[in-house]
PDB file of N, CA and C in Angstrom:
ATOM      1  N   MET A   1       0.834  -1.142  -0.102  1.00  0.00           N
ATOM      2  CA  MET A   1      -0.021   0.057   0.020  1.00  0.00           C
ATOM      3  C   MET A   1       0.763   1.243  -0.064  1.00  0.00           C
ATOM      4  N   TYR A   2       0.449   2.205  -0.727  1.00  0.00           N
ATOM      5  CA  TYR A   2       1.281   3.533  -1.017  1.00  0.00           C
ATOM      6  C   TYR A   2       1.147   4.314   0.490  1.00  0.00           C
ATOM      7  N   GLU A   3       2.268   4.754   0.907  1.00  0.00           N
ATOM      8  CA  GLU A   3       2.250   5.535   2.068  1.00  0.00           C
ATOM      9  C   GLU A   3       3.068   6.859   1.791  1.00  0.00           C
ATOM     10  N   GLN A   4       2.552   7.906   1.890  1.00  0.00           N
ATOM     11  CA  GLN A   4       3.056   9.250   1.708  1.00  0.00           C
ATOM     12  C   GLN A   4       4.296   9.530   2.671  1.00  0.00           C
ATOM     13  N   ALA A   5       5.340   9.913   2.192  1.00  0.00           N
ATOM     14  CA  ALA A   5       6.531  10.247   2.981  1.00  0.00           C
ATOM     15  C   ALA A   5       6.138  11.417   3.914  1.00  0.00           C
ATOM     16  N   THR A   6       6.657  11.459   5.116  1.00  0.00           N
ATOM     17  CA  THR A   6       6.412  12.542   6.067  1.00  0.00           C
ATOM     18  C   THR A   6       7.503  13.572   5.738  1.00  0.00           C
ATOM     19  N   ILE A   7       7.223  14.867   5.411  1.00  0.00           N
ATOM     20  CA  ILE A   7       8.197  15.895   5.090  1.00  0.00           C
ATOM     21  C   ILE A   7       7.798  16.962   6.257  1.00  0.00           C
ATOM     22  N   ALA A   8       8.902  17.484   6.936  1.00  0.00           N
ATOM     23  CA  ALA A   8       8.674  18.480   7.915  1.00  0.00           C
ATOM     24  C   ALA A   8       8.265  19.857   7.210  1.00  0.00           C
ATOM     25  N   VAL A   9       7.204  20.521   7.917  1.00  0.00           N
ATOM     26  CA  VAL A   9       6.852  21.882   7.272  1.00  0.00           C
ATOM     27  C   VAL A   9       7.766  22.895   7.877  1.00  0.00           C
ATOM     28  N   GLU A  10       8.169  23.844   7.293  1.00  0.00           N
ATOM     29  CA  GLU A  10       9.068  24.780   7.779  1.00  0.00           C
ATOM     30  C   GLU A  10       8.173  25.861   8.338  1.00  0.00           C
ATOM     31  N   ASN A  11       7.273  26.405   7.935  1.00  0.00           N
ATOM     32  CA  ASN A  11       6.462  27.526   8.296  1.00  0.00           C
ATOM     33  C   ASN A  11       5.044  27.037   8.787  1.00  0.00           C
ATOM     34  N   GLN A  12       5.031  26.402   9.931  1.00  0.00           N
ATOM     35  CA  GLN A  12       3.793  25.684  10.166  1.00  0.00           C
ATOM     36  C   GLN A  12       2.695  26.715  10.356  1.00  0.00           C
ATOM     37  N   GLN A  13       2.806  27.839  10.817  1.00  0.00           N
ATOM     38  CA  GLN A  13       1.726  28.711  11.059  1.00  0.00           C
ATOM     39  C   GLN A  13       1.097  29.054   9.765  1.00  0.00           C
ATOM     40  N   ALA A  14       1.735  29.395   8.666  1.00  0.00           N
ATOM     41  CA  ALA A  14       1.171  29.721   7.374  1.00  0.00           C
ATOM     42  C   ALA A  14       0.674  28.489   6.701  1.00  0.00           C
ATOM     43  N   PHE A  15       1.200  27.464   6.838  1.00  0.00           N
ATOM     44  CA  PHE A  15       0.832  26.184   6.271  1.00  0.00           C
ATOM     45  C   PHE A  15      -0.554  25.656   6.792  1.00  0.00           C
ATOM     46  N   ASP A  16      -0.641  25.969   8.151  1.00  0.00           N
ATOM     47  CA  ASP A  16      -1.885  25.620   8.822  1.00  0.00           C
ATOM     48  C   ASP A  16      -3.000  26.755   8.531  1.00  0.00           C
ATOM     49  N   ALA A  17      -2.677  27.887   8.153  1.00  0.00           N
ATOM     50  CA  ALA A  17      -3.602  28.767   7.677  1.00  0.00           C
ATOM     51  C   ALA A  17      -4.179  28.410   6.366  1.00  0.00           C
ATOM     52  N   VAL A  18      -3.314  28.182   5.425  1.00  0.00           N
ATOM     53  CA  VAL A  18      -3.784  27.793   4.001  1.00  0.00           C
ATOM     54  C   VAL A  18      -4.569  26.426   4.143  1.00  0.00           C
ATOM     55  N   LYS A  19      -4.153  25.467   4.760  1.00  0.00           N
ATOM     56  CA  LYS A  19      -4.849  24.165   4.897  1.00  0.00           C
ATOM     57  C   LYS A  19      -6.124  24.285   5.521  1.00  0.00           C
ATOM     58  N   SER A  20      -6.225  25.089   6.505  1.00  0.00           N
ATOM     59  CA  SER A  20      -7.500  25.322   7.152  1.00  0.00           C
ATOM     60  C   SER A  20      -8.430  26.195   6.171  1.00  0.00           C
ATOM     61  N   ALA A  21      -7.963  27.019   5.425  1.00  0.00           N
ATOM     62  CA  ALA A  21      -8.741  27.702   4.369  1.00  0.00           C
ATOM     63  C   ALA A  21      -9.387  26.685   3.440  1.00  0.00           C
ATOM     64  N   ILE A  22      -8.514  25.845   3.035  1.00  0.00           N
ATOM     65  CA  ILE A  22      -9.041  24.831   1.990  1.00  0.00           C
ATOM     66  C   ILE A  22      -9.913  23.817   2.656  1.00  0.00           C
ATOM     67  N   ASP A  23      -9.710  23.308   3.768  1.00  0.00           N
ATOM     68  CA  ASP A  23     -10.545  22.452   4.473  1.00  0.00           C
ATOM     69  C   ASP A  23     -11.893  23.249   4.675  1.00  0.00           C
ATOM     70  N   ASN A  24     -11.908  24.454   5.146  1.00  0.00           N
ATOM     71  CA  ASN A  24     -13.098  25.208   5.365  1.00  0.00           C
ATOM     72  C   ASN A  24     -13.914  25.330   3.936  1.00  0.00           C
ATOM     73  N   SER A  25     -13.266  25.551   2.945  1.00  0.00           N
ATOM     74  CA  SER A  25     -14.014  25.860   1.632  1.00  0.00           C
ATOM     75  C   SER A  25     -14.476  24.489   1.035  1.00  0.00           C
ATOM     76  N   PHE A  26     -14.063  23.310   1.519  1.00  0.00           N
ATOM     77  CA  PHE A  26     -14.547  22.066   1.082  1.00  0.00           C
ATOM     78  C   PHE A  26     -15.317  21.321   2.089  1.00  0.00           C
ATOM     79  N   SER A  27     -15.604  22.093   3.300  1.00  0.00           N
ATOM     80  CA  SER A  27     -16.532  21.367   4.316  1.00  0.00           C
ATOM     81  C   SER A  27     -17.861  21.261   3.768  1.00  0.00           C
ATOM     82  N   SER A  28     -18.576  20.394   4.252  1.00  0.00           N
ATOM     83  CA  SER A  28     -19.895  19.895   3.553  1.00  0.00           C
ATOM     84  C   SER A  28     -20.979  21.070   3.788  1.00  0.00           C
ATOM     85  N   ALA A  29     -20.831  22.035   4.530  1.00  0.00           N
ATOM     86  CA  ALA A  29     -21.569  23.273   4.648  1.00  0.00           C
ATOM     87  C   ALA A  29     -21.345  24.282   3.645  1.00  0.00           C
ATOM     88  N   LYS A  30     -20.163  24.269   3.037  1.00  0.00           N
ATOM     89  CA  LYS A  30     -19.669  25.362   2.222  1.00  0.00           C
ATOM     90  C   LYS A  30     -19.318  24.910   0.798  1.00  0.00           C
ATOM     91  N   VAL A  31     -19.143  23.734   0.651  1.00  0.00           N
ATOM     92  CA  VAL A  31     -18.531  23.241  -0.621  1.00  0.00           C
ATOM     93  C   VAL A  31     -19.528  23.542  -2.000  1.00  0.00           C
ATOM     94  N   SER A  32     -20.806  23.477  -1.787  1.00  0.00           N
ATOM     95  CA  SER A  32     -21.590  23.905  -2.878  1.00  0.00           C
ATOM     96  C   SER A  32     -21.516  25.324  -3.106  1.00  0.00           C
ATOM     97  N   ASP A  33     -21.409  26.149  -2.198  1.00  0.00           N
ATOM     98  CA  ASP A  33     -21.435  27.605  -2.459  1.00  0.00           C
ATOM     99  C   ASP A  33     -19.812  27.931  -3.052  1.00  0.00           C
ATOM    100  N   PHE A  34     -18.829  27.180  -2.656  1.00  0.00           N
ATOM    101  CA  PHE A  34     -17.490  27.319  -3.148  1.00  0.00           C
ATOM    102  C   PHE A  34     -17.508  26.935  -4.606  1.00  0.00           C
ATOM    103  N   LEU A  35     -18.143  25.873  -4.955  1.00  0.00           N
ATOM    104  CA  LEU A  35     -18.230  25.286  -6.527  1.00  0.00           C
ATOM    105  C   LEU A  35     -19.039  26.212  -7.299  1.00  0.00           C
ATOM    106  N   LYS A  36     -20.130  26.863  -6.707  1.00  0.00           N
ATOM    107  CA  LYS A  36     -20.924  27.901  -7.390  1.00  0.00           C
ATOM    108  C   LYS A  36     -20.062  29.191  -7.693  1.00  0.00           C
ATOM    109  N   SER A  37     -19.315  29.604  -6.688  1.00  0.00           N
ATOM    110  CA  SER A  37     -18.418  30.806  -6.838  1.00  0.00           C
ATOM    111  C   SER A  37     -17.366  30.466  -7.875  1.00  0.00           C
ATOM    112  N   LEU A  38     -16.869  29.197  -8.003  1.00  0.00           N
ATOM    113  CA  LEU A  38     -15.802  28.954  -9.023  1.00  0.00           C
ATOM    114  C   LEU A  38     -16.421  29.061 -10.406  1.00  0.00           C
ATOM    115  N   ASP A  39     -17.706  28.515 -10.538  1.00  0.00           N
ATOM    116  CA  ASP A  39     -18.442  28.399 -11.822  1.00  0.00           C
ATOM    117  C   ASP A  39     -18.765  29.781 -12.215  1.00  0.00           C
ATOM    118  N   ARG A  40     -19.242  30.617 -11.364  1.00  0.00           N
ATOM    119  CA  ARG A  40     -19.570  32.081 -11.807  1.00  0.00           C
ATOM    120  C   ARG A  40     -18.331  32.786 -12.161  1.00  0.00           C
ATOM    121  N   SER A  41     -17.216  32.479 -11.587  1.00  0.00           N
ATOM    122  CA  SER A  41     -15.997  33.190 -11.905  1.00  0.00           C
ATOM    123  C   SER A  41     -15.342  32.568 -13.154  1.00  0.00           C
ATOM    124  N   LYS A  42     -15.794  31.527 -13.598  1.00  0.00           N
ATOM    125  CA  LYS A  42     -15.273  30.670 -14.821  1.00  0.00           C
ATOM    126  C   LYS A  42     -13.840  30.110 -14.436  1.00  0.00           C
ATOM    127  N   LEU A  43     -13.692  29.662 -13.237  1.00  0.00           N
ATOM    128  CA  LEU A  43     -12.416  29.123 -12.855  1.00  0.00           C
ATOM    129  C   LEU A  43     -12.631  27.587 -12.768  1.00  0.00           C
ATOM    130  N   ARG A  44     -11.444  26.936 -13.056  1.00  0.00           N
ATOM    131  CA  ARG A  44     -11.320  25.552 -13.062  1.00  0.00           C
ATOM    132  C   ARG A  44     -10.732  25.034 -11.636  1.00  0.00           C
ATOM    133  N   ILE A  45     -11.396  24.018 -11.070  1.00  0.00           N
ATOM    134  CA  ILE A  45     -11.079  23.704  -9.697  1.00  0.00           C
ATOM    135  C   ILE A  45      -9.693  23.315  -9.467  1.00  0.00           C
ATOM    136  N   ARG A  46      -9.143  22.551 -10.565  1.00  0.00           N
ATOM    137  CA  ARG A  46      -7.740  22.091 -10.447  1.00  0.00           C
ATOM    138  C   ARG A  46      -6.601  23.122 -10.624  1.00  0.00           C
ATOM    139  N   GLU A  47      -7.018  24.294 -10.947  1.00  0.00           N
ATOM    140  CA  GLU A  47      -6.042  25.501 -11.187  1.00  0.00           C
ATOM    141  C   GLU A  47      -5.923  26.237  -9.752  1.00  0.00           C
ATOM    142  N   PHE A  48      -5.249  25.489  -8.878  1.00  0.00           N
ATOM    143  CA  PHE A  48      -5.161  25.988  -7.562  1.00  0.00           C
ATOM    144  C   PHE A  48      -4.558  27.393  -7.503  1.00  0.00           C
ATOM    145  N   GLU A  49      -3.579  27.849  -8.133  1.00  0.00           N
ATOM    146  CA  GLU A  49      -3.225  29.237  -8.056  1.00  0.00           C
ATOM    147  C   GLU A  49      -4.157  30.246  -8.449  1.00  0.00           C
ATOM    148  N   ASP A  50      -4.846  29.862  -9.627  1.00  0.00           N
ATOM    149  CA  ASP A  50      -5.951  30.832  -9.994  1.00  0.00           C
ATOM    150  C   ASP A  50      -6.968  30.984  -8.950  1.00  0.00           C
ATOM    151  N   VAL A  51      -7.336  29.803  -8.444  1.00  0.00           N
ATOM    152  CA  VAL A  51      -8.491  29.974  -7.370  1.00  0.00           C
ATOM    153  C   VAL A  51      -7.815  30.777  -6.155  1.00  0.00           C
ATOM    154  N   LEU A  52      -6.647  30.521  -5.886  1.00  0.00           N
ATOM    155  CA  LEU A  52      -6.160  31.332  -4.685  1.00  0.00           C
ATOM    156  C   LEU A  52      -5.915  32.782  -5.007  1.00  0.00           C
ATOM    157  N   ARG A  53      -5.564  33.169  -6.165  1.00  0.00           N
ATOM    158  CA  ARG A  53      -5.379  34.529  -6.611  1.00  0.00           C
ATOM    159  C   ARG A  53      -6.775  35.146  -6.658  1.00  0.00           C
ATOM    160  N   ALA A  54      -7.758  34.609  -6.956  1.00  0.00           N
ATOM    161  CA  ALA A  54      -9.123  35.112  -7.137  1.00  0.00           C
ATOM    162  C   ALA A  54      -9.722  35.356  -5.741  1.00  0.00           C
ATOM    163  N   GLY A  55      -9.171  34.877  -4.710  1.00  0.00           N
ATOM    164  CA  GLY A  55      -9.562  35.116  -3.353  1.00  0.00           C
ATOM    165  C   GLY A  55     -10.577  34.121  -2.941  1.00  0.00           C
ATOM    166  N   LYS A  56     -10.744  33.005  -3.603  1.00  0.00           N
ATOM    167  CA  LYS A  56     -11.781  31.974  -3.375  1.00  0.00           C
ATOM    168  C   LYS A  56     -11.749  31.206  -2.163  1.00  0.00           C
ATOM    169  N   LEU A  57     -10.371  31.164  -1.619  1.00  0.00           N
ATOM    170  CA  LEU A  57     -10.155  30.490  -0.349  1.00  0.00           C
ATOM    171  C   LEU A  57      -9.952  31.236   0.767  1.00  0.00           C
ATOM    172  N   GLY A  58     -10.345  32.680   0.647  1.00  0.00           N
ATOM    173  CA  GLY A  58     -10.263  33.500   1.805  1.00  0.00           C
ATOM    174  C   GLY A  58      -9.320  34.584   1.387  1.00  0.00           C
ATOM    175  N   SER A  59      -9.281  35.693   2.117  1.00  0.00           N
ATOM    176  CA  SER A  59      -8.484  36.782   2.007  1.00  0.00           C
ATOM    177  C   SER A  59      -7.125  36.731   2.487  1.00  0.00           C
ATOM    178  N   GLY A  60      -6.727  35.980   3.442  1.00  0.00           N
ATOM    179  CA  GLY A  60      -5.322  35.921   3.890  1.00  0.00           C
ATOM    180  C   GLY A  60      -4.643  34.591   3.238  1.00  0.00           C
ATOM    181  N   ALA A  61      -5.394  33.746   2.708  1.00  0.00           N
ATOM    182  CA  ALA A  61      -4.779  32.393   2.120  1.00  0.00           C
ATOM    183  C   ALA A  61      -3.579  32.704   1.058  1.00  0.00           C
ATOM    184  N   GLU A  62      -3.870  33.577   0.143  1.00  0.00           N
ATOM    185  CA  GLU A  62      -2.783  33.821  -0.945  1.00  0.00           C
ATOM    186  C   GLU A  62      -1.555  34.381  -0.197  1.00  0.00           C
ATOM    187  N   GLN A  63      -1.613  35.306   0.583  1.00  0.00           N
ATOM    188  CA  GLN A  63      -0.501  35.867   1.392  1.00  0.00           C
ATOM    189  C   GLN A  63       0.261  34.640   2.084  1.00  0.00           C
ATOM    190  N   ALA A  64      -0.532  33.875   2.964  1.00  0.00           N
ATOM    191  CA  ALA A  64       0.084  32.821   3.609  1.00  0.00           C
ATOM    192  C   ALA A  64       0.821  31.706   2.740  1.00  0.00           C
ATOM    193  N   TYR A  65       0.102  31.403   1.567  1.00  0.00           N
ATOM    194  CA  TYR A  65       0.768  30.584   0.702  1.00  0.00           C
ATOM    195  C   TYR A  65       1.978  30.973   0.062  1.00  0.00           C
ATOM    196  N   ASN A  66       2.002  32.347  -0.305  1.00  0.00           N
ATOM    197  CA  ASN A  66       3.204  33.076  -0.864  1.00  0.00           C
ATOM    198  C   ASN A  66       4.414  32.909   0.084  1.00  0.00           C
ATOM    199  N   SER A  67       4.017  32.995   1.409  1.00  0.00           N
ATOM    200  CA  SER A  67       5.256  32.968   2.496  1.00  0.00           C
ATOM    201  C   SER A  67       5.863  31.539   2.596  1.00  0.00           C
ATOM    202  N   LEU A  68       5.138  30.610   2.022  1.00  0.00           N
ATOM    203  CA  LEU A  68       5.738  29.191   2.274  1.00  0.00           C
ATOM    204  C   LEU A  68       6.980  28.898   1.160  1.00  0.00           C
ATOM    205  N   ASN A  69       7.709  28.123   1.516  1.00  0.00           N
ATOM    206  CA  ASN A  69       8.931  27.763   0.705  1.00  0.00           C
ATOM    207  C   ASN A  69       8.253  26.637  -0.300  1.00  0.00           C
ATOM    208  N   ASN A  70       9.096  26.309  -1.309  1.00  0.00           N
ATOM    209  CA  ASN A  70       8.504  25.614  -2.438  1.00  0.00           C
ATOM    210  C   ASN A  70       8.135  24.135  -2.013  1.00  0.00           C
ATOM    211  N   GLY A  71       8.680  23.448  -1.060  1.00  0.00           N
ATOM    212  CA  GLY A  71       8.187  22.231  -0.482  1.00  0.00           C
ATOM    213  C   GLY A  71       6.831  22.318   0.195  1.00  0.00           C
ATOM    214  N   ASP A  72       6.780  23.303   0.992  1.00  0.00           N
ATOM    215  CA  ASP A  72       5.454  23.484   1.758  1.00  0.00           C
ATOM    216  C   ASP A  72       4.469  23.780   0.792  1.00  0.00           C
ATOM    217  N   GLN A  73       4.616  24.541  -0.302  1.00  0.00           N
ATOM    218  CA  GLN A  73       3.619  24.860  -1.317  1.00  0.00           C
ATOM    219  C   GLN A  73       3.187  23.650  -2.096  1.00  0.00           C
ATOM    220  N   GLY A  74       4.172  22.830  -2.371  1.00  0.00           N
ATOM    221  CA  GLY A  74       3.774  21.516  -2.892  1.00  0.00           C
ATOM    222  C   GLY A  74       2.933  20.795  -2.108  1.00  0.00           C
ATOM    223  N   MET A  75       3.127  20.606  -0.916  1.00  0.00           N
ATOM    224  CA  MET A  75       2.430  19.910   0.040  1.00  0.00           C
ATOM    225  C   MET A  75       0.843  20.386   0.233  1.00  0.00           C
ATOM    226  N   ILE A  76       0.919  21.780   0.171  1.00  0.00           N
ATOM    227  CA  ILE A  76      -0.459  22.364   0.011  1.00  0.00           C
ATOM    228  C   ILE A  76      -1.185  22.123  -1.060  1.00  0.00           C
ATOM    229  N   ARG A  77      -0.495  22.145  -2.289  1.00  0.00           N
ATOM    230  CA  ARG A  77      -1.086  21.868  -3.474  1.00  0.00           C
ATOM    231  C   ARG A  77      -1.761  20.418  -3.581  1.00  0.00           C
ATOM    232  N   GLU A  78      -0.861  19.438  -3.013  1.00  0.00           N
ATOM    233  CA  GLU A  78      -1.113  18.070  -2.977  1.00  0.00           C
ATOM    234  C   GLU A  78      -2.390  17.953  -2.034  1.00  0.00           C
ATOM    235  N   HIS A  79      -2.596  18.659  -1.095  1.00  0.00           N
ATOM    236  CA  HIS A  79      -3.627  18.421  -0.109  1.00  0.00           C
ATOM    237  C   HIS A  79      -4.892  18.955  -0.819  1.00  0.00           C
ATOM    238  N   TYR A  80      -4.820  20.116  -1.534  1.00  0.00           N
ATOM    239  CA  TYR A  80      -6.049  20.816  -2.244  1.00  0.00           C
ATOM    240  C   TYR A  80      -6.461  19.826  -3.261  1.00  0.00           C
ATOM    241  N   LEU A  81      -5.531  19.191  -3.972  1.00  0.00           N
ATOM    242  CA  LEU A  81      -5.900  18.299  -5.111  1.00  0.00           C
ATOM    243  C   LEU A  81      -6.657  17.004  -4.488  1.00  0.00           C
ATOM    244  N   SER A  82      -6.195  16.543  -3.525  1.00  0.00           N
ATOM    245  CA  SER A  82      -6.660  15.327  -3.019  1.00  0.00           C
ATOM    246  C   SER A  82      -8.084  15.633  -2.312  1.00  0.00           C
ATOM    247  N   THR A  83      -8.130  16.786  -1.748  1.00  0.00           N
ATOM    248  CA  THR A  83      -9.343  17.284  -1.199  1.00  0.00           C
ATOM    249  C   THR A  83     -10.556  17.530  -2.121  1.00  0.00           C
ATOM    250  N   LEU A  84     -10.264  18.093  -3.238  1.00  0.00           N
ATOM    251  CA  LEU A  84     -11.234  18.226  -4.290  1.00  0.00           C
ATOM    252  C   LEU A  84     -11.721  16.880  -4.941  1.00  0.00           C
ATOM    253  N   GLU A  85     -11.009  15.840  -4.822  1.00  0.00           N
ATOM    254  CA  GLU A  85     -11.441  14.731  -5.443  1.00  0.00           C
ATOM    255  C   GLU A  85     -12.304  13.939  -4.449  1.00  0.00           C
ATOM    256  N   LYS A  86     -12.451  14.287  -3.319  1.00  0.00           N
ATOM    257  CA  LYS A  86     -13.216  13.909  -2.206  1.00  0.00           C
ATOM    258  C   LYS A  86     -14.661  14.441  -2.214  1.00  0.00           C
ATOM    259  N   VAL A  87     -15.065  15.402  -3.065  1.00  0.00           N
ATOM    260  CA  VAL A  87     -16.268  15.922  -3.250  1.00  0.00           C
ATOM    261  C   VAL A  87     -17.270  15.012  -3.646  1.00  0.00           C
ATOM    262  N   ASP A  88     -18.455  15.136  -3.116  1.00  0.00           N
ATOM    263  CA  ASP A  88     -19.622  14.220  -3.454  1.00  0.00           C
ATOM    264  C   ASP A  88     -19.758  14.137  -4.960  1.00  0.00           C
ATOM    265  N   PRO A  89     -19.780  12.970  -5.539  1.00  0.00           N
ATOM    266  CA  PRO A  89     -19.925  12.744  -7.073  1.00  0.00           C
ATOM    267  C   PRO A  89     -21.214  13.525  -7.635  1.00  0.00           C
ATOM    268  N   ALA A  90     -22.300  13.508  -6.928  1.00  0.00           N
ATOM    269  CA  ALA A  90     -23.496  14.475  -7.333  1.00  0.00           C
ATOM    270  C   ALA A  90     -23.187  15.831  -7.549  1.00  0.00           C
ATOM    271  N   LEU A  91     -22.439  16.424  -6.616  1.00  0.00           N
ATOM    272  CA  LEU A  91     -22.065  17.879  -6.769  1.00  0.00           C
ATOM    273  C   LEU A  91     -20.932  18.102  -7.883  1.00  0.00           C
ATOM    274  N   ARG A  92     -20.198  17.101  -7.958  1.00  0.00           N
ATOM    275  CA  ARG A  92     -19.068  17.098  -9.062  1.00  0.00           C
ATOM    276  C   ARG A  92     -19.786  17.100 -10.347  1.00  0.00           C
ATOM    277  N   GLN A  93     -20.760  16.358 -10.615  1.00  0.00           N
ATOM    278  CA  GLN A  93     -21.698  16.308 -11.645  1.00  0.00           C
ATOM    279  C   GLN A  93     -22.384  17.581 -11.997  1.00  0.00           C
ATOM    280  N   LYS A  94     -22.985  18.209 -11.019  1.00  0.00           N
ATOM    281  CA  LYS A  94     -23.722  19.295 -11.024  1.00  0.00           C
ATOM    282  C   LYS A  94     -22.842  20.454 -11.490  1.00  0.00           C
ATOM    283  N   TYR A  95     -21.573  20.570 -11.056  1.00  0.00           N
ATOM    284  CA  TYR A  95     -20.612  21.567 -11.410  1.00  0.00           C
ATOM    285  C   TYR A  95     -19.514  20.889 -12.398  1.00  0.00           C
ATOM    286  N   LEU A  96     -19.992  20.247 -13.401  1.00  0.00           N
ATOM    287  CA  LEU A  96     -18.951  19.497 -14.404  1.00  0.00           C
ATOM    288  C   LEU A  96     -18.069  20.717 -15.029  1.00  0.00           C
ATOM    289  N   LYS A  97     -18.480  21.700 -15.300  1.00  0.00           N
ATOM    290  CA  LYS A  97     -17.640  22.631 -16.044  1.00  0.00           C
ATOM    291  C   LYS A  97     -16.531  23.039 -15.045  1.00  0.00           C
ATOM    292  N   VAL A  98     -16.711  23.142 -13.791  1.00  0.00           N
ATOM    293  CA  VAL A  98     -15.743  23.530 -12.846  1.00  0.00           C
ATOM    294  C   VAL A  98     -14.617  22.311 -12.858  1.00  0.00           C
ATOM    295  N   TYR A  99     -15.145  21.024 -12.836  1.00  0.00           N
ATOM    296  CA  TYR A  99     -14.161  19.992 -12.801  1.00  0.00           C
ATOM    297  C   TYR A  99     -13.522  19.503 -14.241  1.00  0.00           C
ATOM    298  N   ALA A 100     -14.108  20.030 -15.174  1.00  0.00           N
ATOM    299  CA  ALA A 100     -13.716  19.638 -16.492  1.00  0.00           C
ATOM    300  C   ALA A 100     -12.264  19.975 -16.788  1.00  0.00           C
ATOM    301  N   TYR A 101     -11.628  19.214 -17.663  1.00  0.00           N
ATOM    302  CA  TYR A 101     -10.165  19.462 -18.010  1.00  0.00           C
ATOM    303  C   TYR A 101     -10.046  20.405 -19.220  1.00  0.00           C
ATOM    304  N   TYR A 102     -11.156  20.686 -19.937  1.00  0.00           N
ATOM    305  CA  TYR A 102     -10.944  21.429 -21.157  1.00  0.00           C
ATOM    306  C   TYR A 102     -10.881  22.933 -20.882  1.00  0.00           C
TER     307      TYR A 102
END
């Protein structure tokens, strides 16, 4: 079974702030509004930096993300991408344009 290697986070406070913003956006209470917001803005969900720049993850998330080193940013992107795949399939179907690769 695949097990992800544990890598130490250098800027834990900023890392936790961005991770919390992601988890909050994908919480069951907010995920539908988050996807609707991306749809209205014509953003693709897998384009993490575009979603971040547009302020869709909260006002301080972009600044916190930019303060992270490359390794920490990579772990955040990986967390974001794995989280977006856990969204209910019915919601993913409803917002197919947001999830589409084209």
